[in-house]
Amino acid sequence: MSNGPESINSQELLERLAREGSQAAQEVSIVTSPGARESAWAIKVKSHSSYNVYSVIAVEIGNAGSVPVEIGQQMQAVNLGESFLEEGTLSVGTYAVMFRAGDKNVFYAKP
């Protein structure tokens, strides 16, 4: 058995779980494989909903010099680049990359 950082971290995790129990532990995992769906999408902000939540739509990026084409339906997404406690100020028409994290769509863009 190795005594490297991996085994130390594993031992610390086991000790913490023994003390605290597994109820407090939360885990998010992302699995990717060849042929799987995209894990990120280019999006365009359509409107502000509330706080740091926006209505967005996926866009397809074309050749250089062409305008991205909106595809699909609008969806809600959380902007991690803004406070969760204040109204967002991101401009309509802003482009970003959106990921799925758990049951939320998230993106990062600064106003």
N, C-alpha and C. Protein backbone atom coordinates (compact mmCIF):
# COMPACT_ATOMS: atom_id res chain seq x y z
N MET A 1 0.83 -1.18 0.00
CA MET A 1 0.00 0.00 0.00
C MET A 1 0.88 1.24 0.00
N SER A 2 0.46 2.21 -0.79
CA SER A 2 1.22 3.46 -0.91
C SER A 2 0.92 4.39 0.25
N ASN A 3 1.91 5.15 0.64
CA ASN A 3 1.71 6.17 1.67
C ASN A 3 1.73 7.56 1.06
N GLY A 4 1.37 7.66 -0.23
CA GLY A 4 1.35 8.95 -0.91
C GLY A 4 0.15 9.78 -0.49
N PRO A 5 -0.01 10.96 -1.12
CA PRO A 5 -1.10 11.87 -0.77
C PRO A 5 -2.47 11.24 -0.92
N GLU A 6 -2.65 10.32 -1.91
CA GLU A 6 -3.95 9.71 -2.13
C GLU A 6 -4.37 8.89 -0.92
N SER A 7 -3.45 8.10 -0.35
CA SER A 7 -3.81 7.27 0.80
C SER A 7 -4.04 8.10 2.05
N ILE A 8 -3.31 9.20 2.20
CA ILE A 8 -3.52 10.08 3.35
C ILE A 8 -4.90 10.73 3.25
N ASN A 9 -5.26 11.24 2.06
CA ASN A 9 -6.57 11.86 1.86
C ASN A 9 -7.68 10.85 2.07
N SER A 10 -7.50 9.63 1.62
CA SER A 10 -8.51 8.59 1.81
C SER A 10 -8.67 8.28 3.28
N GLN A 11 -7.57 8.20 4.00
CA GLN A 11 -7.63 7.91 5.44
C GLN A 11 -8.33 9.04 6.18
N GLU A 12 -8.02 10.30 5.83
CA GLU A 12 -8.67 11.44 6.46
C GLU A 12 -10.17 11.43 6.18
N LEU A 13 -10.56 11.10 4.96
CA LEU A 13 -11.97 11.03 4.59
C LEU A 13 -12.68 9.95 5.39
N LEU A 14 -12.07 8.77 5.53
CA LEU A 14 -12.68 7.69 6.30
C LEU A 14 -12.84 8.07 7.76
N GLU A 15 -11.83 8.73 8.33
CA GLU A 15 -11.92 9.17 9.72
C GLU A 15 -13.02 10.22 9.90
N ARG A 16 -13.14 11.14 8.96
CA ARG A 16 -14.18 12.17 9.05
C ARG A 16 -15.57 11.54 8.94
N LEU A 17 -15.74 10.60 8.01
CA LEU A 17 -17.03 9.93 7.87
C LEU A 17 -17.39 9.14 9.12
N ALA A 18 -16.38 8.53 9.76
CA ALA A 18 -16.63 7.78 10.99
C ALA A 18 -17.11 8.72 12.11
N ARG A 19 -16.53 9.95 12.16
CA ARG A 19 -16.93 10.92 13.20
C ARG A 19 -18.28 11.54 12.89
N GLU A 20 -18.48 12.00 11.64
CA GLU A 20 -19.65 12.81 11.30
C GLU A 20 -20.80 12.01 10.70
N GLY A 21 -20.54 10.84 10.19
CA GLY A 21 -21.57 10.10 9.47
C GLY A 21 -21.63 10.55 8.03
N SER A 22 -22.35 9.83 7.21
CA SER A 22 -22.39 10.13 5.78
C SER A 22 -23.52 11.08 5.40
N GLN A 23 -24.40 11.46 6.33
CA GLN A 23 -25.52 12.33 6.00
C GLN A 23 -25.04 13.71 5.53
N ALA A 24 -23.96 14.21 6.09
CA ALA A 24 -23.47 15.54 5.74
C ALA A 24 -22.67 15.55 4.44
N ALA A 25 -22.26 14.38 3.96
CA ALA A 25 -21.43 14.31 2.76
C ALA A 25 -22.31 14.45 1.52
N GLN A 26 -21.92 15.34 0.61
CA GLN A 26 -22.61 15.49 -0.66
C GLN A 26 -21.60 15.29 -1.76
N GLU A 27 -22.04 14.70 -2.84
CA GLU A 27 -21.12 14.40 -3.92
C GLU A 27 -21.78 14.74 -5.25
N VAL A 28 -21.01 15.36 -6.13
CA VAL A 28 -21.46 15.61 -7.48
C VAL A 28 -20.43 14.98 -8.39
N SER A 29 -20.90 14.22 -9.36
CA SER A 29 -19.95 13.61 -10.28
C SER A 29 -20.41 13.86 -11.71
N ILE A 30 -19.46 13.97 -12.60
CA ILE A 30 -19.74 14.15 -14.01
C ILE A 30 -19.04 13.03 -14.75
N VAL A 31 -19.81 12.31 -15.56
CA VAL A 31 -19.26 11.20 -16.31
C VAL A 31 -19.31 11.55 -17.78
N THR A 32 -18.19 11.39 -18.45
CA THR A 32 -18.16 11.62 -19.88
C THR A 32 -17.63 10.38 -20.56
N SER A 33 -18.09 10.14 -21.74
CA SER A 33 -17.61 9.01 -22.51
C SER A 33 -17.79 9.31 -23.99
N PRO A 34 -17.04 8.62 -24.85
CA PRO A 34 -17.20 8.85 -26.28
C PRO A 34 -18.66 8.61 -26.68
N GLY A 35 -19.20 9.51 -27.47
CA GLY A 35 -20.58 9.37 -27.92
C GLY A 35 -21.61 9.91 -26.95
N ALA A 36 -21.17 10.39 -25.80
CA ALA A 36 -22.11 10.96 -24.83
C ALA A 36 -22.57 12.34 -25.29
N ARG A 37 -23.65 12.85 -24.68
CA ARG A 37 -24.12 14.19 -25.02
C ARG A 37 -23.07 15.21 -24.63
N GLU A 38 -23.25 16.41 -25.18
CA GLU A 38 -22.34 17.49 -24.82
C GLU A 38 -22.49 17.80 -23.34
N SER A 39 -21.40 18.18 -22.71
CA SER A 39 -21.47 18.55 -21.30
C SER A 39 -21.47 20.07 -21.12
N ALA A 40 -21.31 20.80 -22.22
CA ALA A 40 -21.33 22.27 -22.16
C ALA A 40 -21.94 22.79 -23.46
N TRP A 41 -22.61 23.94 -23.35
CA TRP A 41 -23.26 24.54 -24.49
C TRP A 41 -22.94 26.01 -24.54
N ALA A 42 -22.85 26.54 -25.75
CA ALA A 42 -22.77 27.99 -25.92
C ALA A 42 -24.20 28.50 -25.75
N ILE A 43 -24.34 29.60 -25.00
CA ILE A 43 -25.67 30.16 -24.75
C ILE A 43 -25.67 31.66 -24.95
N LYS A 44 -26.86 32.21 -25.10
CA LYS A 44 -27.06 33.65 -25.20
C LYS A 44 -28.10 34.03 -24.15
N VAL A 45 -27.83 35.08 -23.39
CA VAL A 45 -28.76 35.56 -22.38
C VAL A 45 -29.93 36.25 -23.08
N LYS A 46 -31.16 35.80 -22.77
CA LYS A 46 -32.36 36.38 -23.37
C LYS A 46 -33.03 37.39 -22.45
N SER A 47 -33.05 37.11 -21.12
CA SER A 47 -33.67 38.04 -20.17
C SER A 47 -33.22 37.72 -18.76
N HIS A 48 -33.45 38.66 -17.86
CA HIS A 48 -33.12 38.51 -16.45
C HIS A 48 -34.36 37.99 -15.74
N SER A 49 -34.22 36.98 -14.87
CA SER A 49 -35.36 36.45 -14.11
C SER A 49 -35.38 37.06 -12.72
N SER A 50 -34.43 36.70 -11.89
CA SER A 50 -34.30 37.27 -10.55
C SER A 50 -32.93 36.92 -9.99
N TYR A 51 -32.45 37.79 -9.10
CA TYR A 51 -31.11 37.63 -8.51
C TYR A 51 -30.10 37.33 -9.60
N ASN A 52 -29.43 36.18 -9.54
CA ASN A 52 -28.44 35.86 -10.57
C ASN A 52 -28.95 34.76 -11.51
N VAL A 53 -30.26 34.69 -11.68
CA VAL A 53 -30.89 33.69 -12.56
C VAL A 53 -31.37 34.39 -13.83
N TYR A 54 -31.08 33.77 -14.97
CA TYR A 54 -31.40 34.34 -16.28
C TYR A 54 -32.11 33.31 -17.15
N SER A 55 -32.90 33.81 -18.11
CA SER A 55 -33.43 32.96 -19.18
C SER A 55 -32.39 32.99 -20.28
N VAL A 56 -31.99 31.82 -20.75
CA VAL A 56 -30.96 31.71 -21.78
C VAL A 56 -31.44 30.76 -22.87
N ILE A 57 -30.76 30.79 -23.99
CA ILE A 57 -31.05 29.87 -25.07
C ILE A 57 -29.73 29.37 -25.64
N ALA A 58 -29.70 28.11 -26.04
CA ALA A 58 -28.49 27.55 -26.64
C ALA A 58 -28.30 28.16 -28.03
N VAL A 59 -27.04 28.32 -28.41
CA VAL A 59 -26.72 28.83 -29.75
C VAL A 59 -25.72 27.89 -30.41
N GLU A 60 -25.79 27.88 -31.72
CA GLU A 60 -24.84 27.10 -32.51
C GLU A 60 -23.87 28.09 -33.14
N ILE A 61 -22.59 27.87 -32.88
CA ILE A 61 -21.54 28.75 -33.40
C ILE A 61 -21.19 28.30 -34.81
N GLY A 62 -21.24 29.22 -35.76
CA GLY A 62 -20.91 28.91 -37.15
C GLY A 62 -19.49 29.31 -37.49
N ASN A 63 -19.28 29.59 -38.75
CA ASN A 63 -17.97 30.02 -39.24
C ASN A 63 -17.64 31.41 -38.72
N ALA A 64 -16.36 31.73 -38.73
CA ALA A 64 -15.92 33.05 -38.30
C ALA A 64 -16.64 34.12 -39.12
N GLY A 65 -17.12 35.15 -38.45
CA GLY A 65 -17.83 36.23 -39.13
C GLY A 65 -19.33 36.01 -39.24
N SER A 66 -19.81 34.84 -38.80
CA SER A 66 -21.26 34.60 -38.85
C SER A 66 -21.85 34.73 -37.45
N VAL A 67 -23.11 35.15 -37.40
CA VAL A 67 -23.81 35.33 -36.13
C VAL A 67 -24.26 33.97 -35.61
N PRO A 68 -24.06 33.67 -34.32
CA PRO A 68 -24.55 32.41 -33.76
C PRO A 68 -26.06 32.27 -33.93
N VAL A 69 -26.52 31.05 -34.20
CA VAL A 69 -27.93 30.78 -34.44
C VAL A 69 -28.55 30.18 -33.19
N GLU A 70 -29.67 30.76 -32.73
CA GLU A 70 -30.37 30.24 -31.56
C GLU A 70 -31.02 28.89 -31.92
N ILE A 71 -30.90 27.93 -30.99
CA ILE A 71 -31.50 26.61 -31.19
C ILE A 71 -32.23 26.18 -29.91
N GLY A 72 -33.25 25.38 -30.05
CA GLY A 72 -33.95 24.85 -28.89
C GLY A 72 -34.85 25.88 -28.23
N GLN A 73 -35.17 25.63 -26.97
CA GLN A 73 -36.06 26.49 -26.20
C GLN A 73 -35.30 27.19 -25.09
N GLN A 74 -35.87 28.28 -24.61
CA GLN A 74 -35.25 29.00 -23.51
C GLN A 74 -35.29 28.15 -22.25
N MET A 75 -34.30 28.36 -21.38
CA MET A 75 -34.21 27.65 -20.10
C MET A 75 -33.66 28.60 -19.06
N GLN A 76 -33.77 28.23 -17.81
CA GLN A 76 -33.23 29.03 -16.71
C GLN A 76 -31.80 28.59 -16.42
N ALA A 77 -30.93 29.54 -16.10
CA ALA A 77 -29.55 29.24 -15.75
C ALA A 77 -29.07 30.25 -14.71
N VAL A 78 -28.17 29.79 -13.86
CA VAL A 78 -27.62 30.61 -12.77
C VAL A 78 -26.24 31.12 -13.19
N ASN A 79 -26.03 32.44 -13.04
CA ASN A 79 -24.74 33.04 -13.36
C ASN A 79 -23.88 33.05 -12.10
N LEU A 80 -22.83 32.24 -12.09
CA LEU A 80 -21.94 32.16 -10.94
C LEU A 80 -21.01 33.36 -10.84
N GLY A 81 -21.01 34.23 -11.84
CA GLY A 81 -20.18 35.43 -11.83
C GLY A 81 -20.81 36.59 -11.08
N GLU A 82 -22.03 36.38 -10.53
CA GLU A 82 -22.72 37.43 -9.80
C GLU A 82 -23.17 36.90 -8.44
N SER A 83 -23.45 37.82 -7.54
CA SER A 83 -23.87 37.46 -6.19
C SER A 83 -25.20 36.71 -6.20
N PHE A 84 -25.33 35.76 -5.28
CA PHE A 84 -26.59 35.04 -5.10
C PHE A 84 -27.59 35.89 -4.32
N LEU A 85 -27.13 37.00 -3.72
CA LEU A 85 -27.96 37.80 -2.82
C LEU A 85 -28.41 39.12 -3.41
N GLU A 86 -27.96 39.47 -4.60
CA GLU A 86 -28.30 40.76 -5.22
C GLU A 86 -28.85 40.53 -6.62
N GLU A 87 -29.57 41.55 -7.12
CA GLU A 87 -30.10 41.47 -8.48
C GLU A 87 -28.95 41.50 -9.49
N GLY A 88 -29.03 40.62 -10.48
CA GLY A 88 -28.01 40.55 -11.51
C GLY A 88 -28.12 41.71 -12.49
N THR A 89 -27.02 42.04 -13.12
CA THR A 89 -26.98 43.17 -14.05
C THR A 89 -26.39 42.78 -15.40
N LEU A 90 -26.36 41.49 -15.71
CA LEU A 90 -25.79 41.02 -16.97
C LEU A 90 -26.66 41.50 -18.14
N SER A 91 -26.05 41.97 -19.20
CA SER A 91 -26.77 42.50 -20.36
C SER A 91 -27.40 41.38 -21.19
N VAL A 92 -28.62 41.65 -21.66
CA VAL A 92 -29.28 40.75 -22.61
C VAL A 92 -28.40 40.68 -23.86
N GLY A 93 -28.25 39.50 -24.42
CA GLY A 93 -27.41 39.33 -25.61
C GLY A 93 -26.00 38.86 -25.29
N THR A 94 -25.65 38.76 -24.00
CA THR A 94 -24.33 38.28 -23.60
C THR A 94 -24.21 36.80 -23.94
N TYR A 95 -23.06 36.39 -24.46
CA TYR A 95 -22.80 34.98 -24.77
C TYR A 95 -21.92 34.39 -23.68
N ALA A 96 -22.12 33.10 -23.40
CA ALA A 96 -21.34 32.40 -22.39
C ALA A 96 -21.37 30.91 -22.69
N VAL A 97 -20.67 30.15 -21.86
CA VAL A 97 -20.70 28.69 -21.94
C VAL A 97 -21.42 28.19 -20.71
N MET A 98 -22.42 27.32 -20.91
CA MET A 98 -23.24 26.81 -19.82
C MET A 98 -22.93 25.33 -19.59
N PHE A 99 -22.91 24.94 -18.31
CA PHE A 99 -22.71 23.56 -17.91
C PHE A 99 -23.90 23.11 -17.09
N ARG A 100 -24.07 21.83 -16.97
CA ARG A 100 -25.09 21.25 -16.09
C ARG A 100 -24.37 20.80 -14.83
N ALA A 101 -24.79 21.28 -13.66
CA ALA A 101 -24.21 20.91 -12.37
C ALA A 101 -25.34 20.42 -11.48
N GLY A 102 -25.40 19.11 -11.26
CA GLY A 102 -26.52 18.55 -10.51
C GLY A 102 -27.80 18.77 -11.29
N ASP A 103 -28.77 19.45 -10.68
CA ASP A 103 -30.02 19.72 -11.37
C ASP A 103 -30.12 21.18 -11.84
N LYS A 104 -29.01 21.89 -11.90
CA LYS A 104 -29.00 23.31 -12.30
C LYS A 104 -28.14 23.53 -13.53
N ASN A 105 -28.58 24.48 -14.37
CA ASN A 105 -27.75 24.97 -15.46
C ASN A 105 -26.96 26.14 -14.88
N VAL A 106 -25.65 26.16 -15.10
CA VAL A 106 -24.81 27.23 -14.57
C VAL A 106 -23.87 27.76 -15.66
N PHE A 107 -23.56 29.05 -15.54
CA PHE A 107 -22.57 29.66 -16.43
C PHE A 107 -21.86 30.74 -15.62
N TYR A 108 -20.76 31.24 -16.17
CA TYR A 108 -20.00 32.29 -15.48
C TYR A 108 -19.78 33.43 -16.46
N ALA A 109 -20.33 34.60 -16.14
CA ALA A 109 -20.11 35.78 -16.95
C ALA A 109 -20.12 37.00 -16.05
N LYS A 110 -19.18 37.89 -16.24
CA LYS A 110 -19.12 39.15 -15.47
C LYS A 110 -19.83 40.24 -16.26
N PRO A 111 -20.65 41.05 -15.57
CA PRO A 111 -21.34 42.16 -16.26
C PRO A 111 -20.36 43.22 -16.74
